[in-house]
Amino acid sequence: MTTPSSSDAYSSVRTVNTPAGPRNPGQPSWNTQRSSSMPVNRYRSFADEVEQISLPDRTWPDVVIDHAPAWCAVDLRDGNQALIDPMSPERKRRMFDLLVQMGFKEIEV
């Protein structure tokens, strides 16, 4: 058995599955993020499951979310360093490289 190179070394799966679904309609050309390939169509929306919300003096409550927003990784923010075992700079770099490999275009650091 080999000894890890640092105290916060970890191992993970060797391959990364990136989202391979279609792009959302109306998505800006600069955003190459793909939809998840998870079978989300088997779940009912809140509007179908509970109730359709209608507030005539407002616009946002009537909007039904039918696809996921553009995700942004926030795992490397300073707020996450308040953990019991904060990440070392080396581990943060490995995490950043992994997020880039996964295809994230926006990463909060």
PDB file of N, CA and C in Angstrom:
ATOM      1  N   MET A   1       0.842  -1.182   0.000  1.00  0.00           N
ATOM      2  CA  MET A   1       0.000   0.000   0.000  1.00  0.00           C
ATOM      3  C   MET A   1       0.885   1.243   0.000  1.00  0.00           C
ATOM      4  N   THR A   2       0.533   2.225  -0.811  1.00  0.00           N
ATOM      5  CA  THR A   2       1.340   3.438  -0.889  1.00  0.00           C
ATOM      6  C   THR A   2       0.856   4.472   0.115  1.00  0.00           C
ATOM      7  N   THR A   3       1.769   5.308   0.556  1.00  0.00           N
ATOM      8  CA  THR A   3       1.434   6.368   1.501  1.00  0.00           C
ATOM      9  C   THR A   3       1.040   7.623   0.729  1.00  0.00           C
ATOM     10  N   PRO A   4      -0.055   8.272   1.114  1.00  0.00           N
ATOM     11  CA  PRO A   4      -0.460   9.501   0.424  1.00  0.00           C
ATOM     12  C   PRO A   4       0.624  10.572   0.512  1.00  0.00           C
ATOM     13  N   SER A   5       0.712  11.425  -0.514  1.00  0.00           N
ATOM     14  CA  SER A   5       1.748  12.450  -0.559  1.00  0.00           C
ATOM     15  C   SER A   5       1.477  13.616   0.392  1.00  0.00           C
ATOM     16  N   SER A   6       0.249  13.800   0.809  1.00  0.00           N
ATOM     17  CA  SER A   6      -0.060  14.870   1.761  1.00  0.00           C
ATOM     18  C   SER A   6      -1.122  14.388   2.737  1.00  0.00           C
ATOM     19  N   SER A   7      -1.315  15.156   3.793  1.00  0.00           N
ATOM     20  CA  SER A   7      -2.252  14.733   4.834  1.00  0.00           C
ATOM     21  C   SER A   7      -3.704  14.761   4.376  1.00  0.00           C
ATOM     22  N   ASP A   8      -4.000  15.500   3.317  1.00  0.00           N
ATOM     23  CA  ASP A   8      -5.386  15.567   2.852  1.00  0.00           C
ATOM     24  C   ASP A   8      -5.577  14.862   1.506  1.00  0.00           C
ATOM     25  N   ALA A   9      -4.718  13.923   1.200  1.00  0.00           N
ATOM     26  CA  ALA A   9      -4.822  13.196  -0.069  1.00  0.00           C
ATOM     27  C   ALA A   9      -6.114  12.384  -0.093  1.00  0.00           C
ATOM     28  N   TYR A  10      -6.648  12.197  -1.276  1.00  0.00           N
ATOM     29  CA  TYR A  10      -7.876  11.437  -1.436  1.00  0.00           C
ATOM     30  C   TYR A  10      -7.798  10.662  -2.737  1.00  0.00           C
ATOM     31  N   SER A  11      -8.672   9.718  -2.882  1.00  0.00           N
ATOM     32  CA  SER A  11      -8.739   8.994  -4.151  1.00  0.00           C
ATOM     33  C   SER A  11     -10.160   9.097  -4.664  1.00  0.00           C
ATOM     34  N   SER A  12     -10.293   9.038  -5.956  1.00  0.00           N
ATOM     35  CA  SER A  12     -11.616   9.154  -6.556  1.00  0.00           C
ATOM     36  C   SER A  12     -11.691   8.262  -7.779  1.00  0.00           C
ATOM     37  N   VAL A  13     -12.854   8.230  -8.362  1.00  0.00           N
ATOM     38  CA  VAL A  13     -13.056   7.446  -9.570  1.00  0.00           C
ATOM     39  C   VAL A  13     -12.163   8.012 -10.666  1.00  0.00           C
ATOM     40  N   ARG A  14     -11.626   7.158 -11.525  1.00  0.00           N
ATOM     41  CA  ARG A  14     -10.683   7.605 -12.544  1.00  0.00           C
ATOM     42  C   ARG A  14     -11.340   8.343 -13.702  1.00  0.00           C
ATOM     43  N   THR A  15     -12.631   8.159 -13.910  1.00  0.00           N
ATOM     44  CA  THR A  15     -13.298   8.845 -15.012  1.00  0.00           C
ATOM     45  C   THR A  15     -14.303   9.850 -14.470  1.00  0.00           C
ATOM     46  N   VAL A  16     -14.531  10.889 -15.231  1.00  0.00           N
ATOM     47  CA  VAL A  16     -15.490  11.922 -14.860  1.00  0.00           C
ATOM     48  C   VAL A  16     -16.592  11.918 -15.904  1.00  0.00           C
ATOM     49  N   ASN A  17     -17.835  11.785 -15.455  1.00  0.00           N
ATOM     50  CA  ASN A  17     -18.972  11.827 -16.366  1.00  0.00           C
ATOM     51  C   ASN A  17     -19.487  13.254 -16.433  1.00  0.00           C
ATOM     52  N   THR A  18     -19.343  13.866 -17.588  1.00  0.00           N
ATOM     53  CA  THR A  18     -19.839  15.225 -17.761  1.00  0.00           C
ATOM     54  C   THR A  18     -21.262  15.176 -18.292  1.00  0.00           C
ATOM     55  N   PRO A  19     -22.065  16.193 -18.042  1.00  0.00           N
ATOM     56  CA  PRO A  19     -23.431  16.216 -18.561  1.00  0.00           C
ATOM     57  C   PRO A  19     -23.428  16.096 -20.087  1.00  0.00           C
ATOM     58  N   ALA A  20     -24.280  15.228 -20.600  1.00  0.00           N
ATOM     59  CA  ALA A  20     -24.300  14.973 -22.042  1.00  0.00           C
ATOM     60  C   ALA A  20     -25.672  15.229 -22.645  1.00  0.00           C
ATOM     61  N   GLY A  21     -26.563  15.841 -21.897  1.00  0.00           N
ATOM     62  CA  GLY A  21     -27.902  16.117 -22.402  1.00  0.00           C
ATOM     63  C   GLY A  21     -27.894  17.264 -23.395  1.00  0.00           C
ATOM     64  N   PRO A  22     -29.056  17.617 -23.911  1.00  0.00           N
ATOM     65  CA  PRO A  22     -29.129  18.716 -24.879  1.00  0.00           C
ATOM     66  C   PRO A  22     -28.942  20.069 -24.195  1.00  0.00           C
ATOM     67  N   ARG A  23     -28.597  21.078 -24.980  1.00  0.00           N
ATOM     68  CA  ARG A  23     -28.526  22.443 -24.455  1.00  0.00           C
ATOM     69  C   ARG A  23     -29.941  22.962 -24.280  1.00  0.00           C
ATOM     70  N   ASN A  24     -30.128  23.813 -23.290  1.00  0.00           N
ATOM     71  CA  ASN A  24     -31.450  24.378 -23.041  1.00  0.00           C
ATOM     72  C   ASN A  24     -31.802  25.390 -24.128  1.00  0.00           C
ATOM     73  N   PRO A  25     -33.064  25.441 -24.556  1.00  0.00           N
ATOM     74  CA  PRO A  25     -33.447  26.431 -25.558  1.00  0.00           C
ATOM     75  C   PRO A  25     -33.258  27.847 -25.019  1.00  0.00           C
ATOM     76  N   GLY A  26     -32.776  28.732 -25.863  1.00  0.00           N
ATOM     77  CA  GLY A  26     -32.550  30.108 -25.446  1.00  0.00           C
ATOM     78  C   GLY A  26     -31.270  30.308 -24.663  1.00  0.00           C
ATOM     79  N   GLN A  27     -30.451  29.283 -24.570  1.00  0.00           N
ATOM     80  CA  GLN A  27     -29.195  29.381 -23.828  1.00  0.00           C
ATOM     81  C   GLN A  27     -28.197  30.220 -24.628  1.00  0.00           C
ATOM     82  N   PRO A  28     -27.475  31.152 -23.984  1.00  0.00           N
ATOM     83  CA  PRO A  28     -26.511  31.976 -24.713  1.00  0.00           C
ATOM     84  C   PRO A  28     -25.435  31.116 -25.385  1.00  0.00           C
ATOM     85  N   SER A  29     -24.922  31.574 -26.511  1.00  0.00           N
ATOM     86  CA  SER A  29     -23.937  30.788 -27.264  1.00  0.00           C
ATOM     87  C   SER A  29     -22.636  30.602 -26.491  1.00  0.00           C
ATOM     88  N   TRP A  30     -22.293  31.542 -25.607  1.00  0.00           N
ATOM     89  CA  TRP A  30     -21.055  31.423 -24.845  1.00  0.00           C
ATOM     90  C   TRP A  30     -21.147  30.353 -23.765  1.00  0.00           C
ATOM     91  N   ASN A  31     -22.360  29.962 -23.391  1.00  0.00           N
ATOM     92  CA  ASN A  31     -22.552  28.967 -22.339  1.00  0.00           C
ATOM     93  C   ASN A  31     -22.683  27.593 -22.976  1.00  0.00           C
ATOM     94  N   THR A  32     -21.646  26.793 -22.867  1.00  0.00           N
ATOM     95  CA  THR A  32     -21.652  25.464 -23.480  1.00  0.00           C
ATOM     96  C   THR A  32     -22.129  24.382 -22.523  1.00  0.00           C
ATOM     97  N   GLN A  33     -22.654  24.778 -21.377  1.00  0.00           N
ATOM     98  CA  GLN A  33     -23.107  23.811 -20.385  1.00  0.00           C
ATOM     99  C   GLN A  33     -24.251  22.979 -20.943  1.00  0.00           C
ATOM    100  N   ARG A  34     -24.213  21.685 -20.701  1.00  0.00           N
ATOM    101  CA  ARG A  34     -25.233  20.756 -21.172  1.00  0.00           C
ATOM    102  C   ARG A  34     -26.164  20.378 -20.031  1.00  0.00           C
ATOM    103  N   SER A  35     -27.350  19.939 -20.381  1.00  0.00           N
ATOM    104  CA  SER A  35     -28.292  19.446 -19.373  1.00  0.00           C
ATOM    105  C   SER A  35     -27.800  18.112 -18.836  1.00  0.00           C
ATOM    106  N   SER A  36     -28.273  17.769 -17.676  1.00  0.00           N
ATOM    107  CA  SER A  36     -27.932  16.487 -17.080  1.00  0.00           C
ATOM    108  C   SER A  36     -28.575  15.365 -17.874  1.00  0.00           C
ATOM    109  N   SER A  37     -27.922  14.215 -17.874  1.00  0.00           N
ATOM    110  CA  SER A  37     -28.505  13.060 -18.541  1.00  0.00           C
ATOM    111  C   SER A  37     -29.353  12.228 -17.570  1.00  0.00           C
ATOM    112  N   MET A  38     -29.584  12.761 -16.368  1.00  0.00           N
ATOM    113  CA  MET A  38     -30.453  12.077 -15.408  1.00  0.00           C
ATOM    114  C   MET A  38     -31.881  12.076 -15.937  1.00  0.00           C
ATOM    115  N   PRO A  39     -32.650  11.035 -15.655  1.00  0.00           N
ATOM    116  CA  PRO A  39     -34.028  10.955 -16.160  1.00  0.00           C
ATOM    117  C   PRO A  39     -34.989  11.826 -15.349  1.00  0.00           C
ATOM    118  N   VAL A  40     -34.827  13.138 -15.431  1.00  0.00           N
ATOM    119  CA  VAL A  40     -35.644  14.054 -14.634  1.00  0.00           C
ATOM    120  C   VAL A  40     -37.093  14.092 -15.096  1.00  0.00           C
ATOM    121  N   ASN A  41     -37.364  13.619 -16.303  1.00  0.00           N
ATOM    122  CA  ASN A  41     -38.743  13.653 -16.808  1.00  0.00           C
ATOM    123  C   ASN A  41     -39.665  12.695 -16.063  1.00  0.00           C
ATOM    124  N   ARG A  42     -39.111  11.825 -15.247  1.00  0.00           N
ATOM    125  CA  ARG A  42     -39.979  10.911 -14.495  1.00  0.00           C
ATOM    126  C   ARG A  42     -40.550  11.555 -13.227  1.00  0.00           C
ATOM    127  N   TYR A  43     -40.097  12.754 -12.899  1.00  0.00           N
ATOM    128  CA  TYR A  43     -40.591  13.462 -11.721  1.00  0.00           C
ATOM    129  C   TYR A  43     -41.553  14.570 -12.128  1.00  0.00           C
ATOM    130  N   ARG A  44     -42.573  14.771 -11.325  1.00  0.00           N
ATOM    131  CA  ARG A  44     -43.551  15.825 -11.606  1.00  0.00           C
ATOM    132  C   ARG A  44     -43.072  17.144 -11.020  1.00  0.00           C
ATOM    133  N   SER A  45     -43.413  18.227 -11.674  1.00  0.00           N
ATOM    134  CA  SER A  45     -43.017  19.548 -11.182  1.00  0.00           C
ATOM    135  C   SER A  45     -43.843  19.913  -9.947  1.00  0.00           C
ATOM    136  N   PHE A  46     -43.379  20.912  -9.218  1.00  0.00           N
ATOM    137  CA  PHE A  46     -44.108  21.388  -8.045  1.00  0.00           C
ATOM    138  C   PHE A  46     -45.507  21.841  -8.443  1.00  0.00           C
ATOM    139  N   ALA A  47     -45.610  22.522  -9.584  1.00  0.00           N
ATOM    140  CA  ALA A  47     -46.914  23.021 -10.041  1.00  0.00           C
ATOM    141  C   ALA A  47     -47.882  21.866 -10.273  1.00  0.00           C
ATOM    142  N   ASP A  48     -47.395  20.740 -10.790  1.00  0.00           N
ATOM    143  CA  ASP A  48     -48.256  19.577 -11.020  1.00  0.00           C
ATOM    144  C   ASP A  48     -48.501  18.789  -9.736  1.00  0.00           C
ATOM    145  N   GLU A  49     -47.467  18.680  -8.909  1.00  0.00           N
ATOM    146  CA  GLU A  49     -47.537  17.856  -7.698  1.00  0.00           C
ATOM    147  C   GLU A  49     -48.349  18.527  -6.589  1.00  0.00           C
ATOM    148  N   VAL A  50     -48.146  19.824  -6.369  1.00  0.00           N
ATOM    149  CA  VAL A  50     -48.789  20.512  -5.252  1.00  0.00           C
ATOM    150  C   VAL A  50     -49.867  21.466  -5.746  1.00  0.00           C
ATOM    151  N   GLU A  51     -49.455  22.562  -6.355  1.00  0.00           N
ATOM    152  CA  GLU A  51     -50.429  23.521  -6.868  1.00  0.00           C
ATOM    153  C   GLU A  51     -49.758  24.521  -7.798  1.00  0.00           C
ATOM    154  N   GLN A  52     -50.520  25.015  -8.723  1.00  0.00           N
ATOM    155  CA  GLN A  52     -50.068  26.094  -9.596  1.00  0.00           C
ATOM    156  C   GLN A  52     -50.252  27.402  -8.838  1.00  0.00           C
ATOM    157  N   ILE A  53     -49.217  28.208  -8.746  1.00  0.00           N
ATOM    158  CA  ILE A  53     -49.294  29.462  -8.010  1.00  0.00           C
ATOM    159  C   ILE A  53     -49.596  30.590  -8.983  1.00  0.00           C
ATOM    160  N   SER A  54     -50.562  31.409  -8.632  1.00  0.00           N
ATOM    161  CA  SER A  54     -50.912  32.546  -9.473  1.00  0.00           C
ATOM    162  C   SER A  54     -51.087  33.781  -8.602  1.00  0.00           C
ATOM    163  N   LEU A  55     -50.198  34.736  -8.771  1.00  0.00           N
ATOM    164  CA  LEU A  55     -50.289  36.024  -8.086  1.00  0.00           C
ATOM    165  C   LEU A  55     -50.304  37.091  -9.175  1.00  0.00           C
ATOM    166  N   PRO A  56     -51.466  37.656  -9.476  1.00  0.00           N
ATOM    167  CA  PRO A  56     -51.594  38.562 -10.619  1.00  0.00           C
ATOM    168  C   PRO A  56     -50.733  39.822 -10.565  1.00  0.00           C
ATOM    169  N   ASP A  57     -50.369  40.275  -9.363  1.00  0.00           N
ATOM    170  CA  ASP A  57     -49.577  41.499  -9.278  1.00  0.00           C
ATOM    171  C   ASP A  57     -48.068  41.236  -9.323  1.00  0.00           C
ATOM    172  N   ARG A  58     -47.669  39.986  -9.549  1.00  0.00           N
ATOM    173  CA  ARG A  58     -46.249  39.641  -9.622  1.00  0.00           C
ATOM    174  C   ARG A  58     -46.003  38.765 -10.840  1.00  0.00           C
ATOM    175  N   THR A  59     -44.769  38.751 -11.317  1.00  0.00           N
ATOM    176  CA  THR A  59     -44.467  37.929 -12.489  1.00  0.00           C
ATOM    177  C   THR A  59     -43.729  36.645 -12.140  1.00  0.00           C
ATOM    178  N   TRP A  60     -42.819  36.670 -11.174  1.00  0.00           N
ATOM    179  CA  TRP A  60     -42.002  35.486 -10.932  1.00  0.00           C
ATOM    180  C   TRP A  60     -42.735  34.293 -10.330  1.00  0.00           C
ATOM    181  N   PRO A  61     -43.766  34.437  -9.460  1.00  0.00           N
ATOM    182  CA  PRO A  61     -44.404  33.232  -8.924  1.00  0.00           C
ATOM    183  C   PRO A  61     -45.106  32.387  -9.986  1.00  0.00           C
ATOM    184  N   ASP A  62     -45.509  33.001 -11.091  1.00  0.00           N
ATOM    185  CA  ASP A  62     -46.196  32.249 -12.142  1.00  0.00           C
ATOM    186  C   ASP A  62     -45.244  31.444 -13.016  1.00  0.00           C
ATOM    187  N   VAL A  63     -43.955  31.686 -12.905  1.00  0.00           N
ATOM    188  CA  VAL A  63     -42.984  30.991 -13.746  1.00  0.00           C
ATOM    189  C   VAL A  63     -42.791  29.565 -13.232  1.00  0.00           C
ATOM    190  N   VAL A  64     -42.905  28.600 -14.127  1.00  0.00           N
ATOM    191  CA  VAL A  64     -42.680  27.197 -13.784  1.00  0.00           C
ATOM    192  C   VAL A  64     -41.279  26.825 -14.250  1.00  0.00           C
ATOM    193  N   ILE A  65     -40.461  26.331 -13.348  1.00  0.00           N
ATOM    194  CA  ILE A  65     -39.094  25.941 -13.692  1.00  0.00           C
ATOM    195  C   ILE A  65     -39.153  24.583 -14.379  1.00  0.00           C
ATOM    196  N   ASP A  66     -38.726  24.537 -15.639  1.00  0.00           N
ATOM    197  CA  ASP A  66     -38.790  23.282 -16.389  1.00  0.00           C
ATOM    198  C   ASP A  66     -37.414  22.760 -16.786  1.00  0.00           C
ATOM    199  N   HIS A  67     -36.360  23.474 -16.411  1.00  0.00           N
ATOM    200  CA  HIS A  67     -35.004  22.976 -16.630  1.00  0.00           C
ATOM    201  C   HIS A  67     -34.079  23.603 -15.582  1.00  0.00           C
ATOM    202  N   ALA A  68     -32.969  22.949 -15.348  1.00  0.00           N
ATOM    203  CA  ALA A  68     -32.032  23.414 -14.327  1.00  0.00           C
ATOM    204  C   ALA A  68     -31.352  24.702 -14.773  1.00  0.00           C
ATOM    205  N   PRO A  69     -30.995  25.560 -13.817  1.00  0.00           N
ATOM    206  CA  PRO A  69     -30.266  26.782 -14.174  1.00  0.00           C
ATOM    207  C   PRO A  69     -28.821  26.455 -14.544  1.00  0.00           C
ATOM    208  N   ALA A  70     -28.082  27.435 -15.005  1.00  0.00           N
ATOM    209  CA  ALA A  70     -26.651  27.246 -15.251  1.00  0.00           C
ATOM    210  C   ALA A  70     -25.972  27.137 -13.885  1.00  0.00           C
ATOM    211  N   TRP A  71     -25.306  26.022 -13.644  1.00  0.00           N
ATOM    212  CA  TRP A  71     -24.701  25.784 -12.344  1.00  0.00           C
ATOM    213  C   TRP A  71     -23.349  26.452 -12.243  1.00  0.00           C
ATOM    214  N   CYS A  72     -22.989  26.840 -11.053  1.00  0.00           N
ATOM    215  CA  CYS A  72     -21.700  27.456 -10.762  1.00  0.00           C
ATOM    216  C   CYS A  72     -21.141  26.755  -9.527  1.00  0.00           C
ATOM    217  N   ALA A  73     -19.917  26.258  -9.610  1.00  0.00           N
ATOM    218  CA  ALA A  73     -19.309  25.573  -8.472  1.00  0.00           C
ATOM    219  C   ALA A  73     -18.891  26.591  -7.415  1.00  0.00           C
ATOM    220  N   VAL A  74     -19.285  26.363  -6.172  1.00  0.00           N
ATOM    221  CA  VAL A  74     -18.931  27.267  -5.072  1.00  0.00           C
ATOM    222  C   VAL A  74     -18.130  26.536  -3.998  1.00  0.00           C
ATOM    223  N   ASP A  75     -17.567  25.380  -4.334  1.00  0.00           N
ATOM    224  CA  ASP A  75     -16.859  24.555  -3.359  1.00  0.00           C
ATOM    225  C   ASP A  75     -15.552  25.170  -2.875  1.00  0.00           C
ATOM    226  N   LEU A  76     -15.006  26.113  -3.617  1.00  0.00           N
ATOM    227  CA  LEU A  76     -13.705  26.667  -3.258  1.00  0.00           C
ATOM    228  C   LEU A  76     -13.793  28.035  -2.591  1.00  0.00           C
ATOM    229  N   ARG A  77     -14.989  28.481  -2.263  1.00  0.00           N
ATOM    230  CA  ARG A  77     -15.148  29.783  -1.608  1.00  0.00           C
ATOM    231  C   ARG A  77     -14.567  29.755  -0.203  1.00  0.00           C
ATOM    232  N   ASP A  78     -14.196  30.917   0.303  1.00  0.00           N
ATOM    233  CA  ASP A  78     -13.613  30.996   1.647  1.00  0.00           C
ATOM    234  C   ASP A  78     -14.579  30.526   2.723  1.00  0.00           C
ATOM    235  N   GLY A  79     -15.873  30.683   2.515  1.00  0.00           N
ATOM    236  CA  GLY A  79     -16.851  30.239   3.498  1.00  0.00           C
ATOM    237  C   GLY A  79     -16.776  28.753   3.764  1.00  0.00           C
ATOM    238  N   ASN A  80     -16.386  27.980   2.766  1.00  0.00           N
ATOM    239  CA  ASN A  80     -16.263  26.540   2.955  1.00  0.00           C
ATOM    240  C   ASN A  80     -15.011  26.178   3.741  1.00  0.00           C
ATOM    241  N   GLN A  81     -14.143  27.138   3.977  1.00  0.00           N
ATOM    242  CA  GLN A  81     -12.942  26.861   4.753  1.00  0.00           C
ATOM    243  C   GLN A  81     -13.229  26.902   6.252  1.00  0.00           C
ATOM    244  N   ALA A  82     -14.465  27.173   6.638  1.00  0.00           N
ATOM    245  CA  ALA A  82     -14.846  27.144   8.044  1.00  0.00           C
ATOM    246  C   ALA A  82     -15.156  25.714   8.481  1.00  0.00           C
ATOM    247  N   LEU A  83     -14.813  24.763   7.644  1.00  0.00           N
ATOM    248  CA  LEU A  83     -15.024  23.358   7.980  1.00  0.00           C
ATOM    249  C   LEU A  83     -14.072  22.941   9.096  1.00  0.00           C
ATOM    250  N   ILE A  84     -14.372  21.828   9.748  1.00  0.00           N
ATOM    251  CA  ILE A  84     -13.496  21.316  10.803  1.00  0.00           C
ATOM    252  C   ILE A  84     -12.120  21.007  10.230  1.00  0.00           C
ATOM    253  N   ASP A  85     -12.102  20.461   9.022  1.00  0.00           N
ATOM    254  CA  ASP A  85     -10.849  20.103   8.360  1.00  0.00           C
ATOM    255  C   ASP A  85     -10.755  20.885   7.047  1.00  0.00           C
ATOM    256  N   PRO A  86     -10.296  22.162   7.072  1.00  0.00           N
ATOM    257  CA  PRO A  86     -10.252  22.965   5.851  1.00  0.00           C
ATOM    258  C   PRO A  86      -9.293  22.386   4.816  1.00  0.00           C
ATOM    259  N   MET A  87      -9.539  22.722   3.545  1.00  0.00           N
ATOM    260  CA  MET A  87      -8.692  22.223   2.464  1.00  0.00           C
ATOM    261  C   MET A  87      -7.361  22.969   2.445  1.00  0.00           C
ATOM    262  N   SER A  88      -6.307  22.223   2.149  1.00  0.00           N
ATOM    263  CA  SER A  88      -4.994  22.846   1.959  1.00  0.00           C
ATOM    264  C   SER A  88      -4.948  23.457   0.561  1.00  0.00           C
ATOM    265  N   PRO A  89      -3.984  24.338   0.286  1.00  0.00           N
ATOM    266  CA  PRO A  89      -3.874  24.900  -1.069  1.00  0.00           C
ATOM    267  C   PRO A  89      -3.711  23.825  -2.150  1.00  0.00           C
ATOM    268  N   GLU A  90      -2.985  22.748  -1.841  1.00  0.00           N
ATOM    269  CA  GLU A  90      -2.810  21.671  -2.820  1.00  0.00           C
ATOM    270  C   GLU A  90      -4.143  20.996  -3.133  1.00  0.00           C
ATOM    271  N   ARG A  91      -4.925  20.757  -2.086  1.00  0.00           N
ATOM    272  CA  ARG A  91      -6.221  20.104  -2.295  1.00  0.00           C
ATOM    273  C   ARG A  91      -7.178  21.030  -3.041  1.00  0.00           C
ATOM    274  N   LYS A  92      -7.140  22.334  -2.739  1.00  0.00           N
ATOM    275  CA  LYS A  92      -7.972  23.288  -3.471  1.00  0.00           C
ATOM    276  C   LYS A  92      -7.612  23.282  -4.954  1.00  0.00           C
ATOM    277  N   ARG A  93      -6.319  23.190  -5.252  1.00  0.00           N
ATOM    278  CA  ARG A  93      -5.886  23.166  -6.655  1.00  0.00           C
ATOM    279  C   ARG A  93      -6.393  21.905  -7.353  1.00  0.00           C
ATOM    280  N   ARG A  94      -6.309  20.762  -6.662  1.00  0.00           N
ATOM    281  CA  ARG A  94      -6.824  19.516  -7.253  1.00  0.00           C
ATOM    282  C   ARG A  94      -8.326  19.617  -7.485  1.00  0.00           C
ATOM    283  N   MET A  95      -9.039  20.224  -6.543  1.00  0.00           N
ATOM    284  CA  MET A  95     -10.483  20.407  -6.686  1.00  0.00           C
ATOM    285  C   MET A  95     -10.784  21.326  -7.866  1.00  0.00           C
ATOM    286  N   PHE A  96     -10.023  22.409  -8.003  1.00  0.00           N
ATOM    287  CA  PHE A  96     -10.202  23.330  -9.126  1.00  0.00           C
ATOM    288  C   PHE A  96      -9.973  22.601 -10.451  1.00  0.00           C
ATOM    289  N   ASP A  97      -8.890  21.830 -10.527  1.00  0.00           N
ATOM    290  CA  ASP A  97      -8.601  21.080 -11.754  1.00  0.00           C
ATOM    291  C   ASP A  97      -9.718  20.093 -12.072  1.00  0.00           C
ATOM    292  N   LEU A  98     -10.282  19.454 -11.048  1.00  0.00           N
ATOM    293  CA  LEU A  98     -11.380  18.515 -11.259  1.00  0.00           C
ATOM    294  C   LEU A  98     -12.621  19.236 -11.780  1.00  0.00           C
ATOM    295  N   LEU A  99     -12.946  20.393 -11.211  1.00  0.00           N
ATOM    296  CA  LEU A  99     -14.111  21.152 -11.667  1.00  0.00           C
ATOM    297  C   LEU A  99     -13.939  21.598 -13.116  1.00  0.00           C
ATOM    298  N   VAL A 100     -12.729  21.999 -13.495  1.00  0.00           N
ATOM    299  CA  VAL A 100     -12.462  22.372 -14.888  1.00  0.00           C
ATOM    300  C   VAL A 100     -12.623  21.156 -15.792  1.00  0.00           C
ATOM    301  N   GLN A 101     -12.102  20.013 -15.351  1.00  0.00           N
ATOM    302  CA  GLN A 101     -12.221  18.774 -16.127  1.00  0.00           C
ATOM    303  C   GLN A 101     -13.687  18.367 -16.291  1.00  0.00           C
ATOM    304  N   MET A 102     -14.508  18.647 -15.282  1.00  0.00           N
ATOM    305  CA  MET A 102     -15.931  18.311 -15.353  1.00  0.00           C
ATOM    306  C   MET A 102     -16.691  19.244 -16.285  1.00  0.00           C
ATOM    307  N   GLY A 103     -16.088  20.369 -16.663  1.00  0.00           N
ATOM    308  CA  GLY A 103     -16.716  21.253 -17.628  1.00  0.00           C
ATOM    309  C   GLY A 103     -17.329  22.516 -17.059  1.00  0.00           C
ATOM    310  N   PHE A 104     -17.090  22.810 -15.783  1.00  0.00           N
ATOM    311  CA  PHE A 104     -17.634  24.045 -15.209  1.00  0.00           C
ATOM    312  C   PHE A 104     -16.974  25.246 -15.868  1.00  0.00           C
ATOM    313  N   LYS A 105     -17.792  26.220 -16.267  1.00  0.00           N
ATOM    314  CA  LYS A 105     -17.288  27.444 -16.886  1.00  0.00           C
ATOM    315  C   LYS A 105     -17.192  28.578 -15.876  1.00  0.00           C
ATOM    316  N   GLU A 106     -17.919  28.477 -14.775  1.00  0.00           N
ATOM    317  CA  GLU A 106     -17.865  29.486 -13.718  1.00  0.00           C
ATOM    318  C   GLU A 106     -17.556  28.786 -12.402  1.00  0.00           C
ATOM    319  N   ILE A 107     -16.500  29.235 -11.731  1.00  0.00           N
ATOM    320  CA  ILE A 107     -16.090  28.657 -10.453  1.00  0.00           C
ATOM    321  C   ILE A 107     -15.800  29.808  -9.505  1.00  0.00           C
ATOM    322  N   GLU A 108     -16.517  29.867  -8.386  1.00  0.00           N
ATOM    323  CA  GLU A 108     -16.252  30.903  -7.384  1.00  0.00           C
ATOM    324  C   GLU A 108     -15.071  30.476  -6.540  1.00  0.00           C
ATOM    325  N   VAL A 109     -14.099  31.360  -6.422  1.00  0.00           N
ATOM    326  CA  VAL A 109     -12.900  31.048  -5.637  1.00  0.00           C
ATOM    327  C   VAL A 109     -12.730  32.108  -4.576  1.00  0.00           C
TER     328      VAL A 109
END
